Amino acid sequence: MAKLITLRPFKEFIQSEQVGGILLIICVALSLIIANTGWNEGFNDILSTELGYRSAAISLRYSTALWINDGLMAIFFLLVGLEIKREIIEGELSSPKKAAMPIFAALGGMLMPATIFALFNTSTPTSAGWGIPMATDIAFALGVISLLGKRVPASLKIFLAALAIADDLGAILVIAIFYTNELHWDQLFYSAVILGLLILLNRLGVKKLVFYMIPGIFLWYFIHHSGIHATVAGVLLALTIPTNPVKETSPLEALEHAIVRPVNFIIMPIFALANTSIRFEPAMLEGLYSPLGMGIILGLVVGKPLGVTLFSWLSVKMGLSSLPSKAGWRHIIGLGLLAGIGFTMSIFIAILSFSDPLFQVEAKFSILVASLSAGVVGYIFLSLLSSKRKNQEAAINPQAILR
C-alpha cells in the first residue's frame, strides 16, 4: 500500500497534465473567441479591475491580470519546484546516469532556440525576447504524446516528462537572472531571512506543511517587492519542503498531491484565458515574418528538435547515458518536435520580455502558431514512425499485424 501511495503523485501528475492539456486548448479557443467578439471590452475590464489592499505599510492591491500572472502562477511554479525536487531525489533525475540525457536534451533544447532567435533579433527592439523559444509546455506536450497511446514506448513519455521538468528548471533560472529589472535589497534581505527559516525547519525535521506554507506567503510578498519575479518564490518554497527516497509518503508528495489538480484544472486554464486573448488583424500575418516572429517560430519548430536530438546524441556518445527503452533516434527527433510546444512558459516569458503591447501580441500569436505546428508535426511524425515499424514487424511476422 505504501508503495502505491508513493507512486500516486507522479501518476496523478502525468494524468492531470494530459487532461489539463486538453482543458488548456479549450480555454485558448474560448479566449480567442472572446478577443474577437463584442465580449472583448468587458473581459479586458475584468482583467484591469484592481483587487486587494493597500496602505502605507502594505501594498497588495493589483489588477486581476497581475494577480493571475504573479499570484496564481506562483502556485504553478510551486508545483514545478516540487516536481523538480522529487525527480532529483527519487525519480528520473536521481542519478547521473538517469539525469544525463534529459538534462543534456533540455540544455540543447534551450540553447539552440535562443541562438536562432538571437540570429534574427540581435540589435533590434525585440532582442530581449531570446528566452521565449527556450521553453517547453509540459501539459501540452504530454497531452499530445498521450494521444499516441501505445504507439510510442512508455519510456518515451517518462523521458519527455523528465526533459520538460529539466527545461522548466532552466526557464526558472533564466527568469530569475535575466528578467529582473531592479533589485530592492531590503526586500531581498527579508526574503533571505524567511528562506533561511524554511531551511532551518527542514533541517529540524518539521513535517507539518502549515509551518512551511505560512512563511511561504511572506516569502512571496517580499520577493514580489524585491524586483525578482514573484513566481520564483514558489520554486524556493518547494525546495525546502521535506521529502525522502523511501516508500513512505513525504510532505512534498502530499503537497504535490494536493495542488496538482487545482494547478492543471484551474490555474493554468485561467492563465491561458487571461493571456491568449489575441484580436486577429490582417497585419498579424506579416508579423510572423518579422524578426520576432521568425525567431520564435523557427526557434521552437526547428531549434527545439535540433537541440534536443543533437545534445541527446552527445550525451550517448560521451557514454553518459543511453536511449530510453525500446526507443530509437527517430523517437528522439519526434520528442524534440513535441518539445517545441512552448505555449504557457513561452507566453509567460514574452510578458516579461516586452512592455510594448504590440510586441506582446505579436509574440503570443507567433507562439500559438509555432506551438500548434510543433504539436501537429510531432504527432504525425511519431504516428507515422509507429505505423512504419508495425508494417516492418508484420512483414517479418504476419501475426504482428494483429497486435
Protein backbone atom coordinates (compact mmCIF):
# COMPACT_ATOMS: atom_id res chain seq x y z
CA MET A 1 0.00 0.00 0.00
CA ALA A 2 2.81 2.40 0.91
CA LYS A 3 4.40 1.85 -2.48
CA LEU A 4 1.13 2.65 -4.24
CA ILE A 5 0.77 5.85 -2.26
CA THR A 6 4.32 6.87 -3.10
CA LEU A 7 3.81 6.29 -6.83
CA ARG A 8 0.44 8.03 -6.89
CA PRO A 9 1.67 11.65 -7.08
CA PHE A 10 3.75 11.03 -10.22
CA LYS A 11 0.94 9.10 -11.91
CA GLU A 12 -1.53 11.83 -10.98
CA PHE A 13 0.91 14.43 -12.29
CA ILE A 14 1.16 12.68 -15.68
CA GLN A 15 -2.59 12.03 -15.95
CA SER A 16 -3.65 15.51 -14.87
CA GLU A 17 -1.09 17.10 -17.21
CA GLN A 18 -2.67 15.18 -20.10
CA VAL A 19 -6.24 16.20 -19.22
CA GLY A 20 -5.02 19.67 -18.34
CA GLY A 21 -3.55 19.99 -21.82
CA ILE A 22 -6.97 19.37 -23.36
CA LEU A 23 -8.55 21.91 -20.98
CA LEU A 24 -5.87 24.44 -21.95
CA ILE A 25 -6.78 24.03 -25.63
CA ILE A 26 -10.43 24.73 -24.80
CA CYS A 27 -9.51 27.85 -22.81
CA VAL A 28 -7.23 29.12 -25.58
CA ALA A 29 -10.07 28.72 -28.08
CA LEU A 30 -12.51 30.47 -25.71
CA SER A 31 -10.03 33.31 -25.12
CA LEU A 32 -9.58 33.83 -28.86
CA ILE A 33 -13.36 33.87 -29.36
CA ILE A 34 -13.76 36.48 -26.60
CA ALA A 35 -10.98 38.64 -28.06
CA ASN A 36 -12.62 38.70 -31.49
CA THR A 37 -16.22 39.34 -30.43
CA GLY A 38 -18.13 42.03 -28.56
CA TRP A 39 -17.15 40.44 -25.24
CA ASN A 40 -13.57 41.67 -25.57
CA GLU A 41 -14.05 45.08 -23.91
CA GLY A 42 -15.87 43.65 -20.90
CA PHE A 43 -13.27 40.91 -20.49
CA ASN A 44 -10.44 43.47 -20.55
CA ASP A 45 -12.28 45.49 -17.92
CA ILE A 46 -12.32 42.43 -15.67
CA LEU A 47 -8.58 41.87 -16.17
CA SER A 48 -7.80 45.51 -15.35
CA THR A 49 -10.00 45.62 -12.23
CA GLU A 50 -7.90 46.13 -9.11
CA LEU A 51 -8.27 43.76 -6.17
CA GLY A 52 -6.62 43.61 -2.77
CA TYR A 53 -5.49 46.01 -0.04
CA ARG A 54 -3.04 48.91 0.08
CA SER A 55 -1.84 51.03 2.99
CA ALA A 56 1.31 52.93 3.99
CA ALA A 57 2.89 49.68 5.21
CA ILE A 58 1.36 47.05 2.94
CA SER A 59 0.97 47.10 -0.84
CA LEU A 60 -1.26 44.30 -2.06
CA ARG A 61 -3.67 45.94 -4.47
CA TYR A 62 -3.14 44.89 -8.08
CA SER A 63 -5.07 44.27 -11.28
CA THR A 64 -6.75 40.91 -11.81
CA ALA A 65 -4.25 40.17 -14.60
CA LEU A 66 -1.29 40.75 -12.28
CA TRP A 67 -2.81 38.56 -9.56
CA ILE A 68 -3.08 35.80 -12.16
CA ASN A 69 0.44 36.21 -13.56
CA ASP A 70 2.26 36.87 -10.26
CA GLY A 71 -0.03 35.24 -7.71
CA LEU A 72 -1.67 32.15 -9.20
CA MET A 73 1.40 31.43 -11.32
CA ALA A 74 3.49 31.30 -8.14
CA ILE A 75 1.43 28.23 -7.19
CA PHE A 76 2.14 26.77 -10.63
CA PHE A 77 5.86 27.33 -10.04
CA LEU A 78 5.49 25.76 -6.58
CA LEU A 79 4.26 22.61 -8.31
CA VAL A 80 7.12 22.82 -10.82
CA GLY A 81 9.59 23.11 -7.95
CA LEU A 82 8.06 20.11 -6.19
CA GLU A 83 8.31 18.07 -9.40
CA ILE A 84 11.95 19.07 -9.87
CA LYS A 85 12.90 18.17 -6.29
CA ARG A 86 11.01 14.84 -6.42
CA GLU A 87 12.68 13.86 -9.67
CA ILE A 88 16.11 14.78 -8.28
CA ILE A 89 15.57 12.83 -5.03
CA GLU A 90 13.79 9.73 -6.28
CA GLY A 91 12.87 10.00 -9.95
CA GLU A 92 14.30 10.27 -13.44
CA LEU A 93 16.92 12.83 -12.33
CA SER A 94 18.00 10.93 -9.19
CA SER A 95 21.27 9.57 -10.56
CA PRO A 96 23.86 10.89 -13.04
CA LYS A 97 23.01 8.08 -15.49
CA LYS A 98 19.29 8.80 -15.35
CA ALA A 99 19.63 12.57 -15.33
CA ALA A 100 22.29 12.98 -18.03
CA MET A 101 20.16 12.55 -21.14
CA PRO A 102 17.09 14.61 -20.05
CA ILE A 103 19.39 17.39 -18.80
CA PHE A 104 21.51 17.35 -21.96
CA ALA A 105 18.35 17.28 -24.10
CA ALA A 106 16.82 20.18 -22.15
CA LEU A 107 20.07 22.15 -22.40
CA GLY A 108 20.22 21.68 -26.16
CA GLY A 109 16.52 22.48 -26.38
CA MET A 110 17.19 25.81 -24.69
CA LEU A 111 20.48 26.89 -26.27
CA MET A 112 19.60 26.15 -29.91
CA PRO A 113 16.26 28.06 -29.96
CA ALA A 114 17.82 31.01 -28.09
CA THR A 115 20.64 31.09 -30.64
CA ILE A 116 18.23 31.03 -33.58
CA PHE A 117 16.17 33.82 -32.02
CA ALA A 118 19.30 35.89 -31.44
CA LEU A 119 20.37 35.48 -35.08
CA PHE A 120 17.14 37.14 -36.19
CA ASN A 121 16.81 39.73 -33.42
CA THR A 122 20.29 40.95 -32.47
CA SER A 123 20.39 44.77 -32.31
CA THR A 124 16.61 45.06 -32.71
CA PRO A 125 13.98 46.34 -30.23
CA THR A 126 12.86 42.72 -29.70
CA SER A 127 16.27 41.30 -28.74
CA ALA A 128 15.13 40.89 -25.10
CA GLY A 129 12.81 38.06 -26.14
CA TRP A 130 15.60 35.50 -26.62
CA GLY A 131 14.22 33.42 -23.74
CA ILE A 132 10.78 32.97 -25.35
CA PRO A 133 11.52 29.92 -27.57
CA MET A 134 13.56 28.18 -24.87
CA ALA A 135 10.52 26.85 -23.01
CA THR A 136 8.51 23.62 -23.30
CA ASP A 137 4.89 23.40 -22.18
CA ILE A 138 4.78 20.13 -20.29
CA ALA A 139 0.98 19.93 -20.17
CA PHE A 140 0.50 20.31 -23.94
CA ALA A 141 3.49 18.11 -24.81
CA LEU A 142 2.34 15.26 -22.56
CA GLY A 143 -1.23 15.78 -23.77
CA VAL A 144 -0.16 15.24 -27.40
CA ILE A 145 2.07 12.24 -26.70
CA SER A 146 -0.72 10.65 -24.63
CA LEU A 147 -2.94 10.69 -27.75
CA LEU A 148 -0.47 8.28 -29.35
CA GLY A 149 -1.16 5.71 -26.62
CA LYS A 150 0.83 2.50 -27.05
CA ARG A 151 2.14 3.60 -30.44
CA VAL A 152 5.17 5.09 -28.65
CA PRO A 153 7.29 3.38 -25.96
CA ALA A 154 6.20 4.16 -22.39
CA SER A 155 9.80 5.12 -21.61
CA LEU A 156 9.48 7.97 -24.13
CA LYS A 157 6.68 9.58 -22.12
CA ILE A 158 8.77 9.40 -18.94
CA PHE A 159 11.73 10.87 -20.80
CA LEU A 160 9.58 13.73 -22.13
CA ALA A 161 8.33 14.49 -18.61
CA ALA A 162 11.90 14.50 -17.23
CA LEU A 163 13.11 16.67 -20.14
CA ALA A 164 10.29 19.18 -19.62
CA ILE A 165 10.97 19.33 -15.87
CA ALA A 166 14.67 20.00 -16.50
CA ASP A 167 13.59 22.57 -19.11
CA ASP A 168 11.36 24.25 -16.50
CA LEU A 169 14.32 24.49 -14.14
CA GLY A 170 16.31 26.21 -16.88
CA ALA A 171 13.42 28.61 -17.59
CA ILE A 172 13.17 29.47 -13.89
CA LEU A 173 16.87 30.32 -13.76
CA VAL A 174 16.55 32.44 -16.91
CA ILE A 175 13.60 34.36 -15.42
CA ALA A 176 15.37 34.91 -12.09
CA ILE A 177 18.71 36.00 -13.60
CA PHE A 178 17.89 37.75 -16.87
CA TYR A 179 14.35 39.09 -16.45
CA THR A 180 14.89 41.02 -13.22
CA ASN A 181 14.97 44.78 -13.81
CA GLU A 182 15.59 46.49 -10.46
CA LEU A 183 16.55 44.98 -7.10
CA HIS A 184 15.41 46.27 -3.71
CA TRP A 185 17.99 44.96 -1.28
CA ASP A 186 15.92 45.43 1.88
CA GLN A 187 13.16 43.22 0.47
CA LEU A 188 15.76 40.69 -0.68
CA PHE A 189 17.16 40.63 2.86
CA TYR A 190 13.73 39.87 4.34
CA SER A 191 13.28 37.15 1.69
CA ALA A 192 16.64 35.62 2.63
CA VAL A 193 15.70 35.59 6.33
CA ILE A 194 12.44 33.74 5.61
CA LEU A 195 14.18 31.32 3.25
CA GLY A 196 16.73 30.64 5.99
CA LEU A 197 13.87 29.95 8.41
CA LEU A 198 12.31 27.48 5.96
CA ILE A 199 15.65 25.69 5.52
CA LEU A 200 16.03 25.53 9.30
CA LEU A 201 12.57 23.99 9.66
CA ASN A 202 13.58 21.37 7.10
CA ARG A 203 16.82 20.61 8.95
CA LEU A 204 14.97 20.30 12.25
CA GLY A 205 12.71 17.66 10.71
CA VAL A 206 9.46 19.65 10.84
CA LYS A 207 6.90 17.74 8.74
CA LYS A 208 3.67 19.75 9.07
CA LEU A 209 3.07 21.67 5.85
CA VAL A 210 1.37 24.61 7.60
CA PHE A 211 4.74 25.63 9.08
CA TYR A 212 6.06 25.99 5.52
CA MET A 213 3.01 27.50 3.83
CA ILE A 214 2.61 30.50 6.15
CA PRO A 215 6.26 31.67 5.83
CA GLY A 216 5.92 30.86 2.11
CA ILE A 217 3.22 33.55 1.77
CA PHE A 218 5.55 36.13 3.31
CA LEU A 219 8.36 34.88 1.07
CA TRP A 220 6.16 35.55 -1.96
CA TYR A 221 5.34 39.06 -0.70
CA PHE A 222 8.95 40.13 -0.14
CA ILE A 223 10.27 38.57 -3.36
CA HIS A 224 7.45 40.26 -5.27
CA HIS A 225 8.59 43.63 -3.88
CA SER A 226 12.30 42.86 -4.32
CA GLY A 227 12.30 43.15 -8.11
CA ILE A 228 12.73 39.41 -8.74
CA HIS A 229 9.63 37.90 -10.29
CA ALA A 230 7.31 36.64 -7.56
CA THR A 231 6.90 33.20 -9.13
CA VAL A 232 10.48 32.38 -8.09
CA ALA A 233 9.15 32.28 -4.50
CA GLY A 234 7.12 29.20 -5.39
CA VAL A 235 10.23 27.33 -6.52
CA LEU A 236 12.28 28.36 -3.47
CA LEU A 237 9.49 27.26 -1.15
CA ALA A 238 9.22 23.91 -2.95
CA LEU A 239 12.92 23.20 -2.48
CA THR A 240 12.55 23.48 1.31
CA ILE A 241 9.60 21.06 1.59
CA PRO A 242 10.78 17.78 3.21
CA THR A 243 10.87 14.62 1.12
CA ASN A 244 12.53 11.22 1.18
CA PRO A 245 13.59 8.49 -1.27
CA VAL A 246 11.68 5.75 0.59
CA LYS A 247 8.18 4.32 0.20
CA GLU A 248 6.57 6.38 2.97
CA THR A 249 4.62 9.37 1.63
CA SER A 250 6.55 12.57 2.31
CA PRO A 251 5.24 16.12 2.92
CA LEU A 252 6.44 17.01 -0.59
CA GLU A 253 4.40 14.23 -2.17
CA ALA A 254 1.39 15.13 -0.02
CA LEU A 255 1.57 18.77 -1.13
CA GLU A 256 2.04 17.81 -4.77
CA HIS A 257 -0.97 15.52 -4.50
CA ALA A 258 -3.00 18.40 -3.03
CA ILE A 259 -2.21 21.04 -5.67
CA VAL A 260 -1.58 19.12 -8.91
CA ARG A 261 -5.25 19.10 -9.95
CA PRO A 262 -6.05 22.72 -8.93
CA VAL A 263 -2.98 23.88 -10.87
CA ASN A 264 -3.77 21.93 -14.04
CA PHE A 265 -7.55 22.26 -13.96
CA ILE A 266 -7.97 25.81 -12.58
CA ILE A 267 -4.80 27.92 -12.50
CA MET A 268 -3.37 27.05 -15.93
CA PRO A 269 -6.72 27.38 -17.73
CA ILE A 270 -7.23 30.80 -16.07
CA PHE A 271 -3.74 31.84 -17.18
CA ALA A 272 -4.48 30.72 -20.74
CA LEU A 273 -7.84 32.50 -20.71
CA ALA A 274 -6.26 35.76 -19.50
CA ASN A 275 -3.16 35.75 -21.69
CA THR A 276 -4.18 34.45 -25.09
CA SER A 277 -6.98 36.92 -25.87
CA ILE A 278 -5.43 37.93 -29.18
CA ARG A 279 -7.50 40.08 -31.50
CA PHE A 280 -6.76 38.98 -35.05
CA GLU A 281 -5.78 41.64 -37.57
CA PRO A 282 -4.64 41.08 -41.18
CA ALA A 283 -1.29 42.72 -40.36
CA MET A 284 -0.57 39.99 -37.79
CA LEU A 285 0.23 37.53 -40.58
CA GLU A 286 3.01 39.86 -41.69
CA GLY A 287 4.29 39.80 -38.12
CA LEU A 288 5.05 36.10 -38.49
CA TYR A 289 7.77 37.08 -40.97
CA SER A 290 9.24 39.79 -38.74
CA PRO A 291 12.48 39.11 -36.82
CA LEU A 292 10.42 38.49 -33.67
CA GLY A 293 8.01 36.10 -35.37
CA MET A 294 10.69 34.21 -37.28
CA GLY A 295 12.89 33.95 -34.18
CA ILE A 296 10.08 32.41 -32.15
CA ILE A 297 8.68 30.10 -34.82
CA LEU A 298 11.99 28.78 -36.10
CA GLY A 299 13.34 28.64 -32.55
CA LEU A 300 10.51 26.37 -31.38
CA VAL A 301 9.81 24.35 -34.54
CA VAL A 302 13.41 23.90 -35.77
CA GLY A 303 15.67 24.83 -32.86
CA LYS A 304 13.97 22.62 -30.28
CA PRO A 305 14.15 19.26 -32.15
CA LEU A 306 17.63 20.09 -33.42
CA GLY A 307 18.93 20.98 -29.97
CA VAL A 308 17.20 18.07 -28.18
CA THR A 309 18.44 15.50 -30.70
CA LEU A 310 22.00 16.84 -31.02
CA PHE A 311 22.63 17.14 -27.28
CA SER A 312 20.98 13.76 -26.58
CA TRP A 313 23.33 12.22 -29.17
CA LEU A 314 26.30 13.90 -27.48
CA SER A 315 25.31 12.51 -24.07
CA VAL A 316 25.14 8.97 -25.51
CA LYS A 317 28.39 9.32 -27.47
CA MET A 318 30.14 10.56 -24.34
CA GLY A 319 28.95 7.43 -22.51
CA LEU A 320 26.93 9.45 -20.01
CA SER A 321 23.55 7.96 -20.89
CA SER A 322 21.65 5.58 -23.13
CA LEU A 323 18.49 5.82 -25.19
CA PRO A 324 15.15 5.22 -23.44
CA SER A 325 13.98 1.59 -23.51
CA LYS A 326 12.61 0.47 -26.91
CA ALA A 327 13.22 3.95 -28.37
CA GLY A 328 15.43 4.93 -31.30
CA TRP A 329 16.84 8.19 -32.57
CA ARG A 330 13.78 8.87 -34.69
CA HIS A 331 11.73 8.76 -31.49
CA ILE A 332 14.05 11.40 -30.01
CA ILE A 333 13.53 13.60 -33.10
CA GLY A 334 9.75 13.25 -32.67
CA LEU A 335 10.10 14.04 -28.98
CA GLY A 336 12.13 17.13 -29.88
CA LEU A 337 9.30 18.27 -32.14
CA LEU A 338 6.82 17.95 -29.28
CA ALA A 339 9.24 19.87 -27.03
CA GLY A 340 8.70 22.76 -29.44
CA ILE A 341 5.25 23.27 -27.92
CA GLY A 342 6.21 26.34 -25.90
CA PHE A 343 2.86 27.90 -25.05
CA THR A 344 2.47 28.60 -21.28
CA MET A 345 6.07 29.29 -20.29
CA SER A 346 6.83 30.98 -23.62
CA ILE A 347 3.87 33.34 -23.22
CA PHE A 348 4.93 33.98 -19.63
CA ILE A 349 8.46 34.95 -20.71
CA ALA A 350 7.04 37.07 -23.56
CA ILE A 351 5.08 39.09 -20.99
CA LEU A 352 8.29 39.62 -19.01
CA SER A 353 10.32 40.46 -22.14
CA PHE A 354 8.26 43.30 -23.56
CA SER A 355 6.42 46.26 -22.11
CA ASP A 356 5.13 47.23 -25.56
CA PRO A 357 1.66 45.62 -26.02
CA LEU A 358 2.25 45.30 -29.78
CA PHE A 359 5.35 43.18 -29.24
CA GLN A 360 3.48 41.07 -26.67
CA VAL A 361 0.60 40.38 -29.07
CA GLU A 362 2.99 39.59 -31.95
CA ALA A 363 4.96 37.25 -29.70
CA LYS A 364 1.84 35.49 -28.41
CA PHE A 365 0.49 34.95 -31.91
CA SER A 366 3.84 33.57 -33.07
CA ILE A 367 3.95 31.26 -30.03
CA LEU A 368 0.47 29.94 -30.84
CA VAL A 369 1.41 29.27 -34.48
CA ALA A 370 4.72 27.64 -33.52
CA SER A 371 3.23 25.51 -30.74
CA LEU A 372 0.38 24.32 -32.95
CA SER A 373 2.84 23.49 -35.76
CA ALA A 374 5.20 21.64 -33.43
CA GLY A 375 2.36 19.64 -31.89
CA VAL A 376 0.81 18.62 -35.21
CA VAL A 377 4.14 17.78 -36.90
CA GLY A 378 5.39 15.91 -33.82
CA TYR A 379 2.18 13.87 -33.57
CA ILE A 380 2.20 12.98 -37.29
CA PHE A 381 5.91 12.13 -37.24
CA LEU A 382 5.64 9.76 -34.25
CA SER A 383 2.40 8.27 -35.59
CA LEU A 384 3.97 7.52 -38.99
CA LEU A 385 7.05 6.13 -37.27
CA SER A 386 4.86 3.74 -35.30
CA SER A 387 2.96 2.67 -38.45
CA LYS A 388 6.20 2.06 -40.35
CA ARG A 389 7.61 -0.04 -37.52
CA LYS A 390 4.41 -2.07 -37.27
CA ASN A 391 4.44 -2.72 -41.03
CA GLN A 392 8.05 -3.90 -40.83
CA GLU A 393 7.16 -6.26 -37.99
CA ALA A 394 4.19 -7.56 -39.99
CA ALA A 395 6.44 -8.28 -42.97
CA ILE A 396 8.70 -10.34 -40.75
CA ASN A 397 5.95 -11.91 -38.67
CA PRO A 398 2.40 -11.82 -40.13
CA GLN A 399 0.92 -12.33 -36.65
CA ALA A 400 2.40 -8.94 -35.59
CA ILE A 401 -0.27 -7.12 -37.58
CA LEU A 402 -2.88 -8.46 -35.15
CA ARG A 403 -1.15 -6.88 -32.15
